[in-house]
Amino acid sequence: MTKKKQVQTKSNGSAVAILSEFEGVDTGFEEMGADDLQLPRLKLLQAMSPEIENDEALRAGQILNSVTGESWSSEQGVKVVPCVYHKTYVEWAPVGSGAKGPVAVHQSKEVMNDTIRADDGKYYKNDNSGNYIEETANYFVLIIGGKGETSQAVVSMKSSQLTPSRNWNSKMKNLKIEKAPGEYFPAPMWSHSYFLKSEKAKNGDKTWYKWKVEVDGQLEKLPQIKEAKSFAEDMSAAKDKLQPEMEEDKASKDNPPF
């Protein structure tokens, strides 16, 4: 028994010594700002998502971290803290052109004034280019893991996903924090956590998965609160540099409105 205790003490002492070397020192990231990073994306997988074709373990309705490969079921969901909201208007080349990236990312809604909505639901530019504009709601979030660990990501919602986006926005705007009995103030976006889940939607013969957002609760751990506040400040300054995800061009217009 005595020998076993000595081994454990020696092992723990070594671990503490190693940790002390990593803490409170220059990290090498001092000159790296938010615009030097490419945030992972939380993607809601659909039946035609290329990730499903490349990984038999993935299913439509799951939520995928585009960088780590971690996934969450539609029922389980992923716990996030929204820190900054940013609306963009992404201009895409015509379907079937072979383009993967956007033509432009517009920051102002004014670009929609020169569009016409077609029968397929897309908003086409009124210049005979065939380009169309997608209104996109972007959320810079902290992912909270099962042990309380955090990581950063971005969630983008467009087309039919704008309805869940508005629902989420309303939930956030309606939250209040009690300062004193009967005295409340508006809760900062980053003060509460939410579960992002998914549910099946149907329109005629088309089915797809849409986001489902549930309020979790107010943050209580100070390190998470400080990180969320800091991330909100960083992304508020760098949000205009967000680039949409590159997409494989789809030759068919019969896909569900994701």
C-alpha atoms as a PDB file:
ATOM      1  CA  MET A   1       0.000   0.000   0.000  1.00  0.00           C
ATOM      2  CA  THR A   2       2.786   2.416   0.922  1.00  0.00           C
ATOM      3  CA  LYS A   3       4.660   1.757  -2.307  1.00  0.00           C
ATOM      4  CA  LYS A   4       1.513   2.333  -4.403  1.00  0.00           C
ATOM      5  CA  LYS A   5       0.889   5.668  -2.663  1.00  0.00           C
ATOM      6  CA  GLN A   6       4.433   6.803  -3.397  1.00  0.00           C
ATOM      7  CA  VAL A   7       4.075   5.981  -7.099  1.00  0.00           C
ATOM      8  CA  GLN A   8       0.818   7.949  -7.332  1.00  0.00           C
ATOM      9  CA  THR A   9       2.325  10.948  -5.557  1.00  0.00           C
ATOM     10  CA  LYS A  10       5.321  10.936  -7.860  1.00  0.00           C
ATOM     11  CA  SER A  11       3.080  10.688 -10.918  1.00  0.00           C
ATOM     12  CA  ASN A  12       0.808  13.523  -9.761  1.00  0.00           C
ATOM     13  CA  GLY A  13       3.776  15.719  -8.893  1.00  0.00           C
ATOM     14  CA  SER A  14       5.168  15.252 -12.380  1.00  0.00           C
ATOM     15  CA  ALA A  15       1.827  16.195 -13.954  1.00  0.00           C
ATOM     16  CA  VAL A  16       1.621  19.369 -11.865  1.00  0.00           C
ATOM     17  CA  ALA A  17       5.163  20.311 -12.879  1.00  0.00           C
ATOM     18  CA  ILE A  18       4.313  19.839 -16.551  1.00  0.00           C
ATOM     19  CA  LEU A  19       1.126  21.890 -16.295  1.00  0.00           C
ATOM     20  CA  SER A  20       2.995  24.727 -14.608  1.00  0.00           C
ATOM     21  CA  GLU A  21       5.204  25.021 -17.690  1.00  0.00           C
ATOM     22  CA  PHE A  22       2.145  25.606 -19.917  1.00  0.00           C
ATOM     23  CA  GLU A  23       0.302  28.101 -17.719  1.00  0.00           C
ATOM     24  CA  GLY A  24       0.820  31.865 -17.571  1.00  0.00           C
ATOM     25  CA  VAL A  25       3.350  32.028 -20.429  1.00  0.00           C
ATOM     26  CA  ASP A  26       3.439  33.467 -23.962  1.00  0.00           C
ATOM     27  CA  THR A  27       1.489  31.058 -26.159  1.00  0.00           C
ATOM     28  CA  GLY A  28       2.779  32.044 -29.592  1.00  0.00           C
ATOM     29  CA  PHE A  29      -0.672  33.284 -30.584  1.00  0.00           C
ATOM     30  CA  GLU A  30      -0.129  36.870 -29.387  1.00  0.00           C
ATOM     31  CA  GLU A  31      -0.128  38.352 -32.906  1.00  0.00           C
ATOM     32  CA  MET A  32      -2.934  36.133 -34.176  1.00  0.00           C
ATOM     33  CA  GLY A  33      -6.278  37.908 -34.408  1.00  0.00           C
ATOM     34  CA  ALA A  34      -9.784  36.734 -35.233  1.00  0.00           C
ATOM     35  CA  ASP A  35      -9.259  37.517 -38.916  1.00  0.00           C
ATOM     36  CA  ASP A  36      -6.321  35.067 -39.014  1.00  0.00           C
ATOM     37  CA  LEU A  37      -8.536  32.114 -38.134  1.00  0.00           C
ATOM     38  CA  GLN A  38     -11.055  29.982 -40.006  1.00  0.00           C
ATOM     39  CA  LEU A  39     -13.768  28.964 -37.597  1.00  0.00           C
ATOM     40  CA  PRO A  40     -15.228  25.461 -37.713  1.00  0.00           C
ATOM     41  CA  ARG A  41     -18.807  25.276 -38.886  1.00  0.00           C
ATOM     42  CA  LEU A  42     -21.683  23.455 -37.285  1.00  0.00           C
ATOM     43  CA  LYS A  43     -23.509  21.926 -40.237  1.00  0.00           C
ATOM     44  CA  LEU A  44     -26.968  20.415 -40.239  1.00  0.00           C
ATOM     45  CA  LEU A  45     -26.618  17.392 -42.504  1.00  0.00           C
ATOM     46  CA  GLN A  46     -29.196  16.701 -45.192  1.00  0.00           C
ATOM     47  CA  ALA A  47     -29.802  13.571 -47.242  1.00  0.00           C
ATOM     48  CA  MET A  48     -27.666  14.931 -50.096  1.00  0.00           C
ATOM     49  CA  SER A  49     -24.832  16.310 -47.954  1.00  0.00           C
ATOM     50  CA  PRO A  50     -21.458  15.145 -49.333  1.00  0.00           C
ATOM     51  CA  GLU A  51     -20.267  14.320 -45.809  1.00  0.00           C
ATOM     52  CA  ILE A  52     -22.831  11.497 -45.648  1.00  0.00           C
ATOM     53  CA  GLU A  53     -21.522  10.007 -48.896  1.00  0.00           C
ATOM     54  CA  ASN A  54     -17.998   9.951 -47.455  1.00  0.00           C
ATOM     55  CA  ASP A  55     -18.807   8.607 -43.978  1.00  0.00           C
ATOM     56  CA  GLU A  56     -21.239   5.743 -43.455  1.00  0.00           C
ATOM     57  CA  ALA A  57     -21.604   6.630 -39.749  1.00  0.00           C
ATOM     58  CA  LEU A  58     -23.245   9.975 -40.523  1.00  0.00           C
ATOM     59  CA  ARG A  59     -26.977  10.429 -41.050  1.00  0.00           C
ATOM     60  CA  ALA A  60     -29.279  13.199 -42.237  1.00  0.00           C
ATOM     61  CA  GLY A  61     -30.447  15.291 -39.308  1.00  0.00           C
ATOM     62  CA  GLN A  62     -27.147  15.051 -37.457  1.00  0.00           C
ATOM     63  CA  ILE A  63     -25.073  18.124 -36.630  1.00  0.00           C
ATOM     64  CA  LEU A  64     -21.428  17.993 -37.706  1.00  0.00           C
ATOM     65  CA  ASN A  65     -18.363  19.992 -36.701  1.00  0.00           C
ATOM     66  CA  SER A  66     -16.673  20.589 -40.054  1.00  0.00           C
ATOM     67  CA  VAL A  67     -13.157  20.635 -38.553  1.00  0.00           C
ATOM     68  CA  THR A  68     -13.117  18.091 -35.717  1.00  0.00           C
ATOM     69  CA  GLY A  69     -15.575  15.658 -37.309  1.00  0.00           C
ATOM     70  CA  GLU A  70     -17.538  15.413 -34.057  1.00  0.00           C
ATOM     71  CA  SER A  71     -21.248  14.875 -34.613  1.00  0.00           C
ATOM     72  CA  TRP A  72     -24.421  15.053 -32.544  1.00  0.00           C
ATOM     73  CA  SER A  73     -27.734  13.328 -33.114  1.00  0.00           C
ATOM     74  CA  SER A  74     -30.885  15.309 -33.861  1.00  0.00           C
ATOM     75  CA  GLU A  75     -32.309  14.365 -30.447  1.00  0.00           C
ATOM     76  CA  GLN A  76     -29.127  14.949 -28.424  1.00  0.00           C
ATOM     77  CA  GLY A  77     -28.192  18.246 -30.017  1.00  0.00           C
ATOM     78  CA  VAL A  78     -25.124  20.353 -29.322  1.00  0.00           C
ATOM     79  CA  LYS A  79     -24.889  22.860 -26.483  1.00  0.00           C
ATOM     80  CA  VAL A  80     -23.791  26.331 -27.620  1.00  0.00           C
ATOM     81  CA  VAL A  81     -23.509  29.895 -26.381  1.00  0.00           C
ATOM     82  CA  PRO A  82     -24.351  32.416 -29.133  1.00  0.00           C
ATOM     83  CA  CYS A  83     -21.981  35.373 -28.884  1.00  0.00           C
ATOM     84  CA  VAL A  84     -22.506  37.483 -32.017  1.00  0.00           C
ATOM     85  CA  TYR A  85     -25.195  37.559 -34.707  1.00  0.00           C
ATOM     86  CA  HIS A  86     -24.370  38.818 -38.208  1.00  0.00           C
ATOM     87  CA  LYS A  87     -26.540  38.905 -41.339  1.00  0.00           C
ATOM     88  CA  THR A  88     -24.930  38.600 -44.767  1.00  0.00           C
ATOM     89  CA  TYR A  89     -26.264  38.512 -48.320  1.00  0.00           C
ATOM     90  CA  VAL A  90     -24.277  36.011 -50.328  1.00  0.00           C
ATOM     91  CA  GLU A  91     -24.207  36.236 -54.117  1.00  0.00           C
ATOM     92  CA  TRP A  92     -23.870  32.935 -55.980  1.00  0.00           C
ATOM     93  CA  ALA A  93     -23.313  32.113 -59.647  1.00  0.00           C
ATOM     94  CA  PRO A  94     -26.133  30.324 -61.533  1.00  0.00           C
ATOM     95  CA  VAL A  95     -26.822  26.697 -60.645  1.00  0.00           C
ATOM     96  CA  GLY A  96     -24.934  24.465 -63.077  1.00  0.00           C
ATOM     97  CA  SER A  97     -22.087  26.946 -63.640  1.00  0.00           C
ATOM     98  CA  GLY A  98     -19.620  24.744 -61.747  1.00  0.00           C
ATOM     99  CA  ALA A  99     -18.709  27.473 -59.246  1.00  0.00           C
ATOM    100  CA  LYS A 100     -18.039  26.438 -55.641  1.00  0.00           C
ATOM    101  CA  GLY A 101     -17.351  29.786 -54.041  1.00  0.00           C
ATOM    102  CA  PRO A 102     -19.529  32.893 -53.825  1.00  0.00           C
ATOM    103  CA  VAL A 103     -19.349  35.731 -56.323  1.00  0.00           C
ATOM    104  CA  ALA A 104     -19.546  38.246 -53.478  1.00  0.00           C
ATOM    105  CA  VAL A 105     -20.563  38.609 -49.840  1.00  0.00           C
ATOM    106  CA  HIS A 106     -22.700  41.703 -49.330  1.00  0.00           C
ATOM    107  CA  GLN A 107     -23.042  43.242 -45.868  1.00  0.00           C
ATOM    108  CA  SER A 108     -26.097  45.415 -46.546  1.00  0.00           C
ATOM    109  CA  LYS A 109     -29.700  44.405 -47.200  1.00  0.00           C
ATOM    110  CA  GLU A 110     -29.870  47.085 -49.873  1.00  0.00           C
ATOM    111  CA  VAL A 111     -28.540  44.568 -52.404  1.00  0.00           C
ATOM    112  CA  MET A 112     -31.925  42.817 -52.213  1.00  0.00           C
ATOM    113  CA  ASN A 113     -33.601  45.888 -53.730  1.00  0.00           C
ATOM    114  CA  ASP A 114     -32.270  44.877 -57.149  1.00  0.00           C
ATOM    115  CA  THR A 115     -33.465  41.255 -57.041  1.00  0.00           C
ATOM    116  CA  ILE A 116     -36.509  39.407 -58.326  1.00  0.00           C
ATOM    117  CA  ARG A 117     -37.939  36.335 -56.624  1.00  0.00           C
ATOM    118  CA  ALA A 118     -38.413  33.482 -59.083  1.00  0.00           C
ATOM    119  CA  ASP A 119     -40.673  30.429 -58.948  1.00  0.00           C
ATOM    120  CA  ASP A 120     -37.859  28.381 -57.365  1.00  0.00           C
ATOM    121  CA  GLY A 121     -37.849  30.738 -54.376  1.00  0.00           C
ATOM    122  CA  LYS A 122     -34.431  32.224 -55.150  1.00  0.00           C
ATOM    123  CA  TYR A 123     -33.800  35.969 -55.359  1.00  0.00           C
ATOM    124  CA  TYR A 124     -32.076  36.642 -58.694  1.00  0.00           C
ATOM    125  CA  LYS A 125     -30.193  39.819 -59.499  1.00  0.00           C
ATOM    126  CA  ASN A 126     -32.013  42.029 -61.959  1.00  0.00           C
ATOM    127  CA  ASP A 127     -29.060  42.273 -64.362  1.00  0.00           C
ATOM    128  CA  ASN A 128     -29.443  39.129 -66.528  1.00  0.00           C
ATOM    129  CA  SER A 129     -26.352  37.588 -64.918  1.00  0.00           C
ATOM    130  CA  GLY A 130     -28.271  34.630 -63.496  1.00  0.00           C
ATOM    131  CA  ASN A 131     -26.637  35.273 -60.110  1.00  0.00           C
ATOM    132  CA  TYR A 132     -28.822  34.958 -57.038  1.00  0.00           C
ATOM    133  CA  ILE A 133     -28.624  36.298 -53.483  1.00  0.00           C
ATOM    134  CA  GLU A 134     -29.069  34.203 -50.349  1.00  0.00           C
ATOM    135  CA  GLU A 135     -29.945  35.996 -47.122  1.00  0.00           C
ATOM    136  CA  THR A 136     -27.852  34.253 -44.473  1.00  0.00           C
ATOM    137  CA  ALA A 137     -28.056  34.497 -40.684  1.00  0.00           C
ATOM    138  CA  ASN A 138     -24.709  33.767 -39.029  1.00  0.00           C
ATOM    139  CA  TYR A 139     -24.106  33.002 -35.358  1.00  0.00           C
ATOM    140  CA  PHE A 140     -20.650  32.970 -33.791  1.00  0.00           C
ATOM    141  CA  VAL A 141     -20.955  30.448 -30.970  1.00  0.00           C
ATOM    142  CA  LEU A 142     -19.033  28.696 -28.228  1.00  0.00           C
ATOM    143  CA  ILE A 143     -19.590  24.945 -28.149  1.00  0.00           C
ATOM    144  CA  ILE A 144     -19.794  23.573 -24.591  1.00  0.00           C
ATOM    145  CA  GLY A 145     -18.730  19.955 -24.275  1.00  0.00           C
ATOM    146  CA  GLY A 146     -19.880  17.389 -21.748  1.00  0.00           C
ATOM    147  CA  LYS A 147     -17.082  18.271 -19.297  1.00  0.00           C
ATOM    148  CA  GLY A 148     -17.574  22.024 -19.674  1.00  0.00           C
ATOM    149  CA  GLU A 149     -14.775  22.428 -22.218  1.00  0.00           C
ATOM    150  CA  THR A 150     -15.355  25.052 -24.902  1.00  0.00           C
ATOM    151  CA  SER A 151     -14.519  25.569 -28.569  1.00  0.00           C
ATOM    152  CA  GLN A 152     -15.481  28.161 -31.154  1.00  0.00           C
ATOM    153  CA  ALA A 153     -17.623  27.745 -34.265  1.00  0.00           C
ATOM    154  CA  VAL A 154     -20.033  29.477 -36.608  1.00  0.00           C
ATOM    155  CA  VAL A 155     -23.577  28.444 -37.530  1.00  0.00           C
ATOM    156  CA  SER A 156     -25.148  29.728 -40.742  1.00  0.00           C
ATOM    157  CA  MET A 157     -28.857  29.563 -41.550  1.00  0.00           C
ATOM    158  CA  LYS A 158     -30.396  30.444 -44.895  1.00  0.00           C
ATOM    159  CA  SER A 159     -33.441  29.822 -47.055  1.00  0.00           C
ATOM    160  CA  SER A 160     -36.014  27.747 -45.114  1.00  0.00           C
ATOM    161  CA  GLN A 161     -33.684  27.803 -42.075  1.00  0.00           C
ATOM    162  CA  LEU A 162     -34.372  31.517 -41.641  1.00  0.00           C
ATOM    163  CA  THR A 163     -37.605  30.670 -39.820  1.00  0.00           C
ATOM    164  CA  PRO A 164     -35.753  28.760 -37.048  1.00  0.00           C
ATOM    165  CA  SER A 165     -33.258  31.636 -37.021  1.00  0.00           C
ATOM    166  CA  ARG A 166     -35.985  34.191 -36.315  1.00  0.00           C
ATOM    167  CA  ASN A 167     -37.399  31.906 -33.644  1.00  0.00           C
ATOM    168  CA  TRP A 168     -33.980  31.724 -31.973  1.00  0.00           C
ATOM    169  CA  ASN A 169     -33.572  35.489 -32.180  1.00  0.00           C
ATOM    170  CA  SER A 170     -36.941  36.010 -30.506  1.00  0.00           C
ATOM    171  CA  LYS A 171     -36.048  33.635 -27.687  1.00  0.00           C
ATOM    172  CA  MET A 172     -32.787  35.485 -27.076  1.00  0.00           C
ATOM    173  CA  LYS A 173     -34.366  38.947 -27.199  1.00  0.00           C
ATOM    174  CA  ASN A 174     -37.061  37.980 -24.702  1.00  0.00           C
ATOM    175  CA  LEU A 175     -34.662  36.731 -22.025  1.00  0.00           C
ATOM    176  CA  LYS A 176     -34.171  38.949 -18.973  1.00  0.00           C
ATOM    177  CA  ILE A 177     -31.815  38.734 -15.993  1.00  0.00           C
ATOM    178  CA  GLU A 178     -33.114  39.544 -12.514  1.00  0.00           C
ATOM    179  CA  LYS A 179     -30.964  42.191 -10.850  1.00  0.00           C
ATOM    180  CA  ALA A 180     -33.119  42.535  -7.745  1.00  0.00           C
ATOM    181  CA  PRO A 181     -36.600  41.327  -6.786  1.00  0.00           C
ATOM    182  CA  GLY A 182     -38.880  42.612  -9.542  1.00  0.00           C
ATOM    183  CA  GLU A 183     -36.010  44.392 -11.351  1.00  0.00           C
ATOM    184  CA  TYR A 184     -34.770  42.959 -14.644  1.00  0.00           C
ATOM    185  CA  PHE A 185     -32.440  43.952 -17.480  1.00  0.00           C
ATOM    186  CA  PRO A 186     -32.023  42.542 -21.031  1.00  0.00           C
ATOM    187  CA  ALA A 187     -29.758  39.507 -21.106  1.00  0.00           C
ATOM    188  CA  PRO A 188     -26.649  39.760 -23.306  1.00  0.00           C
ATOM    189  CA  MET A 189     -26.728  37.248 -26.144  1.00  0.00           C
ATOM    190  CA  TRP A 190     -23.751  35.409 -24.651  1.00  0.00           C
ATOM    191  CA  SER A 191     -25.277  35.088 -21.162  1.00  0.00           C
ATOM    192  CA  HIS A 192     -27.271  31.931 -21.924  1.00  0.00           C
ATOM    193  CA  SER A 193     -26.655  28.545 -23.499  1.00  0.00           C
ATOM    194  CA  TYR A 194     -28.933  26.738 -25.940  1.00  0.00           C
ATOM    195  CA  PHE A 195     -29.274  23.288 -27.442  1.00  0.00           C
ATOM    196  CA  LEU A 196     -29.177  23.157 -31.225  1.00  0.00           C
ATOM    197  CA  LYS A 197     -31.152  20.140 -32.409  1.00  0.00           C
ATOM    198  CA  SER A 198     -32.991  19.282 -35.618  1.00  0.00           C
ATOM    199  CA  GLU A 199     -36.411  18.141 -36.734  1.00  0.00           C
ATOM    200  CA  LYS A 200     -37.793  16.885 -40.038  1.00  0.00           C
ATOM    201  CA  ALA A 201     -39.691  19.301 -42.280  1.00  0.00           C
ATOM    202  CA  LYS A 202     -41.893  18.523 -45.254  1.00  0.00           C
ATOM    203  CA  ASN A 203     -43.285  20.522 -48.155  1.00  0.00           C
ATOM    204  CA  GLY A 204     -45.152  18.501 -50.743  1.00  0.00           C
ATOM    205  CA  ASP A 205     -42.938  15.598 -51.749  1.00  0.00           C
ATOM    206  CA  LYS A 206     -39.798  17.256 -50.373  1.00  0.00           C
ATOM    207  CA  THR A 207     -38.436  16.534 -46.904  1.00  0.00           C
ATOM    208  CA  TRP A 208     -35.417  17.964 -45.141  1.00  0.00           C
ATOM    209  CA  TYR A 209     -34.160  18.756 -41.647  1.00  0.00           C
ATOM    210  CA  LYS A 210     -34.463  22.176 -40.066  1.00  0.00           C
ATOM    211  CA  TRP A 211     -32.827  23.596 -36.971  1.00  0.00           C
ATOM    212  CA  LYS A 212     -34.610  23.352 -33.629  1.00  0.00           C
ATOM    213  CA  VAL A 213     -33.390  25.619 -30.813  1.00  0.00           C
ATOM    214  CA  GLU A 214     -34.078  25.048 -27.115  1.00  0.00           C
ATOM    215  CA  VAL A 215     -33.093  27.366 -24.252  1.00  0.00           C
ATOM    216  CA  ASP A 216     -30.751  25.635 -21.781  1.00  0.00           C
ATOM    217  CA  GLY A 217     -30.071  28.229 -19.103  1.00  0.00           C
ATOM    218  CA  GLN A 218     -27.988  31.144 -17.878  1.00  0.00           C
ATOM    219  CA  LEU A 219     -24.226  30.586 -17.698  1.00  0.00           C
ATOM    220  CA  GLU A 220     -22.975  30.044 -14.162  1.00  0.00           C
ATOM    221  CA  LYS A 221     -19.285  29.212 -14.572  1.00  0.00           C
ATOM    222  CA  LEU A 222     -17.134  32.355 -14.548  1.00  0.00           C
ATOM    223  CA  PRO A 223     -14.477  31.052 -17.005  1.00  0.00           C
ATOM    224  CA  GLN A 224     -17.203  30.317 -19.579  1.00  0.00           C
ATOM    225  CA  ILE A 225     -18.776  33.741 -19.047  1.00  0.00           C
ATOM    226  CA  LYS A 226     -15.434  35.504 -19.527  1.00  0.00           C
ATOM    227  CA  GLU A 227     -14.625  33.476 -22.641  1.00  0.00           C
ATOM    228  CA  ALA A 228     -18.049  34.119 -24.163  1.00  0.00           C
ATOM    229  CA  LYS A 229     -17.725  37.865 -23.513  1.00  0.00           C
ATOM    230  CA  SER A 230     -14.209  37.940 -24.995  1.00  0.00           C
ATOM    231  CA  PHE A 231     -15.268  35.933 -28.057  1.00  0.00           C
ATOM    232  CA  ALA A 232     -18.203  38.307 -28.581  1.00  0.00           C
ATOM    233  CA  GLU A 233     -15.835  41.286 -28.543  1.00  0.00           C
ATOM    234  CA  ASP A 234     -13.411  39.612 -30.974  1.00  0.00           C
ATOM    235  CA  MET A 235     -16.098  38.545 -33.440  1.00  0.00           C
ATOM    236  CA  SER A 236     -17.875  41.896 -33.317  1.00  0.00           C
ATOM    237  CA  ALA A 237     -14.680  43.387 -34.722  1.00  0.00           C
ATOM    238  CA  ALA A 238     -14.049  40.644 -37.301  1.00  0.00           C
ATOM    239  CA  LYS A 239     -17.545  39.547 -38.351  1.00  0.00           C
ATOM    240  CA  ASP A 240     -17.401  41.315 -41.728  1.00  0.00           C
ATOM    241  CA  LYS A 241     -14.528  39.012 -42.727  1.00  0.00           C
ATOM    242  CA  LEU A 242     -16.655  35.865 -42.432  1.00  0.00           C
ATOM    243  CA  GLN A 243     -16.637  33.861 -45.648  1.00  0.00           C
ATOM    244  CA  PRO A 244     -19.413  31.417 -46.537  1.00  0.00           C
ATOM    245  CA  GLU A 245     -18.585  27.773 -46.881  1.00  0.00           C
ATOM    246  CA  MET A 246     -17.507  26.594 -50.313  1.00  0.00           C
ATOM    247  CA  GLU A 247     -20.276  24.522 -51.869  1.00  0.00           C
ATOM    248  CA  GLU A 248     -20.318  21.913 -54.574  1.00  0.00           C
ATOM    249  CA  ASP A 249     -22.424  23.213 -57.444  1.00  0.00           C
ATOM    250  CA  LYS A 250     -25.722  21.376 -57.819  1.00  0.00           C
ATOM    251  CA  ALA A 251     -26.982  20.938 -61.341  1.00  0.00           C
ATOM    252  CA  SER A 252     -30.522  20.164 -60.151  1.00  0.00           C
ATOM    253  CA  LYS A 253     -32.966  22.710 -58.789  1.00  0.00           C
ATOM    254  CA  ASP A 254     -35.097  19.990 -57.253  1.00  0.00           C
ATOM    255  CA  ASN A 255     -33.210  19.907 -53.950  1.00  0.00           C
ATOM    256  CA  PRO A 256     -35.044  20.852 -50.757  1.00  0.00           C
ATOM    257  CA  PRO A 257     -34.577  24.447 -49.560  1.00  0.00           C
ATOM    258  CA  PHE A 258     -31.848  24.021 -46.950  1.00  0.00           C
END
